[in-house]
Amino acid sequence: MRERILEGNLPSEQRLNLESDIDQLLGKLNITLEAYPDLKASQNFMLLQNFL
């Protein structure tokens, strides 16, 4: 999804829909992480968060 947005050749409506989908998925990921503090503290996961 992210790659399609970064390409920059999507119509505005499709771009907004994809951005909304990404926001929803990241929100679910953050909620899930609250249940796993060890994962949240992992250096690899922190790198992934910075990348996203």
PDB file of N, CA and C in Angstrom:
ATOM      1  N   MET A   1       0.820  -1.194   0.000  1.00  0.00           N
ATOM      2  CA  MET A   1       0.000   0.000   0.000  1.00  0.00           C
ATOM      3  C   MET A   1       0.862   1.256   0.000  1.00  0.00           C
ATOM      4  N   ARG A   2       1.839   1.244   0.897  1.00  0.00           N
ATOM      5  CA  ARG A   2       2.680   2.430   1.038  1.00  0.00           C
ATOM      6  C   ARG A   2       3.411   2.749  -0.265  1.00  0.00           C
ATOM      7  N   GLU A   3       3.888   1.709  -0.937  1.00  0.00           N
ATOM      8  CA  GLU A   3       4.602   1.911  -2.194  1.00  0.00           C
ATOM      9  C   GLU A   3       3.707   2.558  -3.238  1.00  0.00           C
ATOM     10  N   ARG A   4       2.457   2.150  -3.281  1.00  0.00           N
ATOM     11  CA  ARG A   4       1.526   2.726  -4.255  1.00  0.00           C
ATOM     12  C   ARG A   4       1.308   4.205  -3.982  1.00  0.00           C
ATOM     13  N   ILE A   5       1.252   4.571  -2.708  1.00  0.00           N
ATOM     14  CA  ILE A   5       1.073   5.980  -2.357  1.00  0.00           C
ATOM     15  C   ILE A   5       2.314   6.776  -2.742  1.00  0.00           C
ATOM     16  N   LEU A   6       3.486   6.223  -2.447  1.00  0.00           N
ATOM     17  CA  LEU A   6       4.734   6.932  -2.710  1.00  0.00           C
ATOM     18  C   LEU A   6       5.026   7.097  -4.198  1.00  0.00           C
ATOM     19  N   GLU A   7       4.463   6.236  -5.028  1.00  0.00           N
ATOM     20  CA  GLU A   7       4.656   6.381  -6.472  1.00  0.00           C
ATOM     21  C   GLU A   7       4.104   7.713  -6.958  1.00  0.00           C
ATOM     22  N   GLY A   8       3.048   8.183  -6.324  1.00  0.00           N
ATOM     23  CA  GLY A   8       2.524   9.507  -6.621  1.00  0.00           C
ATOM     24  C   GLY A   8       1.626   9.615  -7.829  1.00  0.00           C
ATOM     25  N   ASN A   9       1.269   8.522  -8.449  1.00  0.00           N
ATOM     26  CA  ASN A   9       0.429   8.614  -9.640  1.00  0.00           C
ATOM     27  C   ASN A   9      -0.985   8.081  -9.408  1.00  0.00           C
ATOM     28  N   LEU A  10      -1.447   8.140  -8.174  1.00  0.00           N
ATOM     29  CA  LEU A  10      -2.805   7.695  -7.851  1.00  0.00           C
ATOM     30  C   LEU A  10      -3.762   8.885  -7.855  1.00  0.00           C
ATOM     31  N   PRO A  11      -4.991   8.641  -8.261  1.00  0.00           N
ATOM     32  CA  PRO A  11      -5.999   9.696  -8.109  1.00  0.00           C
ATOM     33  C   PRO A  11      -6.178  10.042  -6.627  1.00  0.00           C
ATOM     34  N   SER A  12      -6.572  11.262  -6.349  1.00  0.00           N
ATOM     35  CA  SER A  12      -6.691  11.751  -4.967  1.00  0.00           C
ATOM     36  C   SER A  12      -7.566  10.859  -4.103  1.00  0.00           C
ATOM     37  N   GLU A  13      -8.690  10.417  -4.629  1.00  0.00           N
ATOM     38  CA  GLU A  13      -9.611   9.598  -3.837  1.00  0.00           C
ATOM     39  C   GLU A  13      -8.973   8.260  -3.457  1.00  0.00           C
ATOM     40  N   GLN A  14      -8.289   7.633  -4.390  1.00  0.00           N
ATOM     41  CA  GLN A  14      -7.613   6.365  -4.087  1.00  0.00           C
ATOM     42  C   GLN A  14      -6.510   6.575  -3.059  1.00  0.00           C
ATOM     43  N   ARG A  15      -5.780   7.663  -3.193  1.00  0.00           N
ATOM     44  CA  ARG A  15      -4.699   7.965  -2.244  1.00  0.00           C
ATOM     45  C   ARG A  15      -5.263   8.141  -0.838  1.00  0.00           C
ATOM     46  N   LEU A  16      -6.348   8.884  -0.714  1.00  0.00           N
ATOM     47  CA  LEU A  16      -6.976   9.086   0.594  1.00  0.00           C
ATOM     48  C   LEU A  16      -7.464   7.769   1.180  1.00  0.00           C
ATOM     49  N   ASN A  17      -8.046   6.916   0.347  1.00  0.00           N
ATOM     50  CA  ASN A  17      -8.519   5.613   0.820  1.00  0.00           C
ATOM     51  C   ASN A  17      -7.362   4.748   1.310  1.00  0.00           C
ATOM     52  N   LEU A  18      -6.265   4.725   0.568  1.00  0.00           N
ATOM     53  CA  LEU A  18      -5.103   3.939   0.983  1.00  0.00           C
ATOM     54  C   LEU A  18      -4.489   4.487   2.268  1.00  0.00           C
ATOM     55  N   GLU A  19      -4.392   5.808   2.380  1.00  0.00           N
ATOM     56  CA  GLU A  19      -3.853   6.408   3.603  1.00  0.00           C
ATOM     57  C   GLU A  19      -4.733   6.071   4.802  1.00  0.00           C
ATOM     58  N   SER A  20      -6.033   6.072   4.601  1.00  0.00           N
ATOM     59  CA  SER A  20      -6.962   5.719   5.671  1.00  0.00           C
ATOM     60  C   SER A  20      -6.780   4.262   6.083  1.00  0.00           C
ATOM     61  N   ASP A  21      -6.630   3.377   5.104  1.00  0.00           N
ATOM     62  CA  ASP A  21      -6.404   1.955   5.398  1.00  0.00           C
ATOM     63  C   ASP A  21      -5.118   1.757   6.197  1.00  0.00           C
ATOM     64  N   ILE A  22      -4.061   2.452   5.802  1.00  0.00           N
ATOM     65  CA  ILE A  22      -2.787   2.345   6.516  1.00  0.00           C
ATOM     66  C   ILE A  22      -2.934   2.848   7.944  1.00  0.00           C
ATOM     67  N   ASP A  23      -3.599   3.972   8.128  1.00  0.00           N
ATOM     68  CA  ASP A  23      -3.812   4.510   9.480  1.00  0.00           C
ATOM     69  C   ASP A  23      -4.565   3.518  10.358  1.00  0.00           C
ATOM     70  N   GLN A  24      -5.593   2.875   9.802  1.00  0.00           N
ATOM     71  CA  GLN A  24      -6.364   1.899  10.571  1.00  0.00           C
ATOM     72  C   GLN A  24      -5.507   0.696  10.955  1.00  0.00           C
ATOM     73  N   LEU A  25      -4.711   0.205  10.018  1.00  0.00           N
ATOM     74  CA  LEU A  25      -3.850  -0.947  10.301  1.00  0.00           C
ATOM     75  C   LEU A  25      -2.790  -0.613  11.345  1.00  0.00           C
ATOM     76  N   LEU A  26      -2.201   0.569  11.257  1.00  0.00           N
ATOM     77  CA  LEU A  26      -1.203   0.966  12.249  1.00  0.00           C
ATOM     78  C   LEU A  26      -1.835   1.130  13.623  1.00  0.00           C
ATOM     79  N   GLY A  27      -3.059   1.619  13.673  1.00  0.00           N
ATOM     80  CA  GLY A  27      -3.764   1.731  14.945  1.00  0.00           C
ATOM     81  C   GLY A  27      -3.986   0.369  15.576  1.00  0.00           C
ATOM     82  N   LYS A  28      -4.378  -0.605  14.773  1.00  0.00           N
ATOM     83  CA  LYS A  28      -4.576  -1.968  15.280  1.00  0.00           C
ATOM     84  C   LYS A  28      -3.262  -2.558  15.765  1.00  0.00           C
ATOM     85  N   LEU A  29      -2.191  -2.279  15.041  1.00  0.00           N
ATOM     86  CA  LEU A  29      -0.876  -2.777  15.439  1.00  0.00           C
ATOM     87  C   LEU A  29      -0.466  -2.191  16.785  1.00  0.00           C
ATOM     88  N   ASN A  30      -0.678  -0.906  16.972  1.00  0.00           N
ATOM     89  CA  ASN A  30      -0.321  -0.266  18.244  1.00  0.00           C
ATOM     90  C   ASN A  30      -1.139  -0.820  19.401  1.00  0.00           C
ATOM     91  N   ILE A  31      -2.413  -1.089  19.180  1.00  0.00           N
ATOM     92  CA  ILE A  31      -3.260  -1.661  20.231  1.00  0.00           C
ATOM     93  C   ILE A  31      -2.763  -3.056  20.599  1.00  0.00           C
ATOM     94  N   THR A  32      -2.417  -3.846  19.595  1.00  0.00           N
ATOM     95  CA  THR A  32      -1.902  -5.192  19.842  1.00  0.00           C
ATOM     96  C   THR A  32      -0.599  -5.143  20.628  1.00  0.00           C
ATOM     97  N   LEU A  33       0.243  -4.196  20.317  1.00  0.00           N
ATOM     98  CA  LEU A  33       1.544  -4.089  20.991  1.00  0.00           C
ATOM     99  C   LEU A  33       1.420  -3.770  22.471  1.00  0.00           C
ATOM    100  N   GLU A  34       0.377  -3.082  22.849  1.00  0.00           N
ATOM    101  CA  GLU A  34       0.193  -2.758  24.261  1.00  0.00           C
ATOM    102  C   GLU A  34       0.129  -4.025  25.108  1.00  0.00           C
ATOM    103  N   ALA A  35      -0.303  -5.125  24.512  1.00  0.00           N
ATOM    104  CA  ALA A  35      -0.406  -6.389  25.239  1.00  0.00           C
ATOM    105  C   ALA A  35       0.938  -7.124  25.320  1.00  0.00           C
ATOM    106  N   TYR A  36       1.929  -6.649  24.573  1.00  0.00           N
ATOM    107  CA  TYR A  36       3.234  -7.319  24.525  1.00  0.00           C
ATOM    108  C   TYR A  36       4.367  -6.322  24.772  1.00  0.00           C
ATOM    109  N   PRO A  37       4.572  -5.921  26.027  1.00  0.00           N
ATOM    110  CA  PRO A  37       5.597  -4.906  26.312  1.00  0.00           C
ATOM    111  C   PRO A  37       7.010  -5.340  25.925  1.00  0.00           C
ATOM    112  N   ASP A  38       7.311  -6.640  25.983  1.00  0.00           N
ATOM    113  CA  ASP A  38       8.651  -7.091  25.589  1.00  0.00           C
ATOM    114  C   ASP A  38       8.911  -6.830  24.106  1.00  0.00           C
ATOM    115  N   LEU A  39       7.897  -7.053  23.290  1.00  0.00           N
ATOM    116  CA  LEU A  39       8.036  -6.778  21.864  1.00  0.00           C
ATOM    117  C   LEU A  39       8.195  -5.283  21.630  1.00  0.00           C
ATOM    118  N   LYS A  40       7.414  -4.514  22.350  1.00  0.00           N
ATOM    119  CA  LYS A  40       7.460  -3.063  22.205  1.00  0.00           C
ATOM    120  C   LYS A  40       8.856  -2.526  22.520  1.00  0.00           C
ATOM    121  N   ALA A  41       9.569  -3.164  23.446  1.00  0.00           N
ATOM    122  CA  ALA A  41      10.900  -2.719  23.849  1.00  0.00           C
ATOM    123  C   ALA A  41      12.000  -3.270  22.940  1.00  0.00           C
ATOM    124  N   SER A  42      11.665  -4.172  22.049  1.00  0.00           N
ATOM    125  CA  SER A  42      12.654  -4.790  21.167  1.00  0.00           C
ATOM    126  C   SER A  42      13.263  -3.756  20.223  1.00  0.00           C
ATOM    127  N   GLN A  43      14.577  -3.816  20.077  1.00  0.00           N
ATOM    128  CA  GLN A  43      15.262  -2.880  19.189  1.00  0.00           C
ATOM    129  C   GLN A  43      14.804  -3.060  17.741  1.00  0.00           C
ATOM    130  N   ASN A  44      14.598  -4.301  17.316  1.00  0.00           N
ATOM    131  CA  ASN A  44      14.126  -4.537  15.949  1.00  0.00           C
ATOM    132  C   ASN A  44      12.760  -3.915  15.725  1.00  0.00           C
ATOM    133  N   PHE A  45      11.889  -4.019  16.722  1.00  0.00           N
ATOM    134  CA  PHE A  45      10.570  -3.427  16.553  1.00  0.00           C
ATOM    135  C   PHE A  45      10.651  -1.906  16.524  1.00  0.00           C
ATOM    136  N   MET A  46      11.524  -1.332  17.331  1.00  0.00           N
ATOM    137  CA  MET A  46      11.676   0.124  17.317  1.00  0.00           C
ATOM    138  C   MET A  46      12.166   0.596  15.948  1.00  0.00           C
ATOM    139  N   LEU A  47      13.054  -0.164  15.324  1.00  0.00           N
ATOM    140  CA  LEU A  47      13.505   0.175  13.974  1.00  0.00           C
ATOM    141  C   LEU A  47      12.353   0.104  12.976  1.00  0.00           C
ATOM    142  N   LEU A  48      11.522  -0.917  13.114  1.00  0.00           N
ATOM    143  CA  LEU A  48      10.354  -1.046  12.241  1.00  0.00           C
ATOM    144  C   LEU A  48       9.414   0.136  12.415  1.00  0.00           C
ATOM    145  N   GLN A  49       9.149   0.530  13.657  1.00  0.00           N
ATOM    146  CA  GLN A  49       8.274   1.675  13.907  1.00  0.00           C
ATOM    147  C   GLN A  49       8.825   2.933  13.258  1.00  0.00           C
ATOM    148  N   ASN A  50      10.121   3.153  13.364  1.00  0.00           N
ATOM    149  CA  ASN A  50      10.727   4.336  12.751  1.00  0.00           C
ATOM    150  C   ASN A  50      10.606   4.299  11.238  1.00  0.00           C
ATOM    151  N   PHE A  51      10.716   3.106  10.667  1.00  0.00           N
ATOM    152  CA  PHE A  51      10.587   2.963   9.224  1.00  0.00           C
ATOM    153  C   PHE A  51       9.181   3.299   8.761  1.00  0.00           C
ATOM    154  N   LEU A  52       8.175   2.863   9.530  1.00  0.00           N
ATOM    155  CA  LEU A  52       6.783   3.108   9.161  1.00  0.00           C
ATOM    156  C   LEU A  52       6.438   4.545   9.406  1.00  0.00           C
TER     157      LEU A  52
END
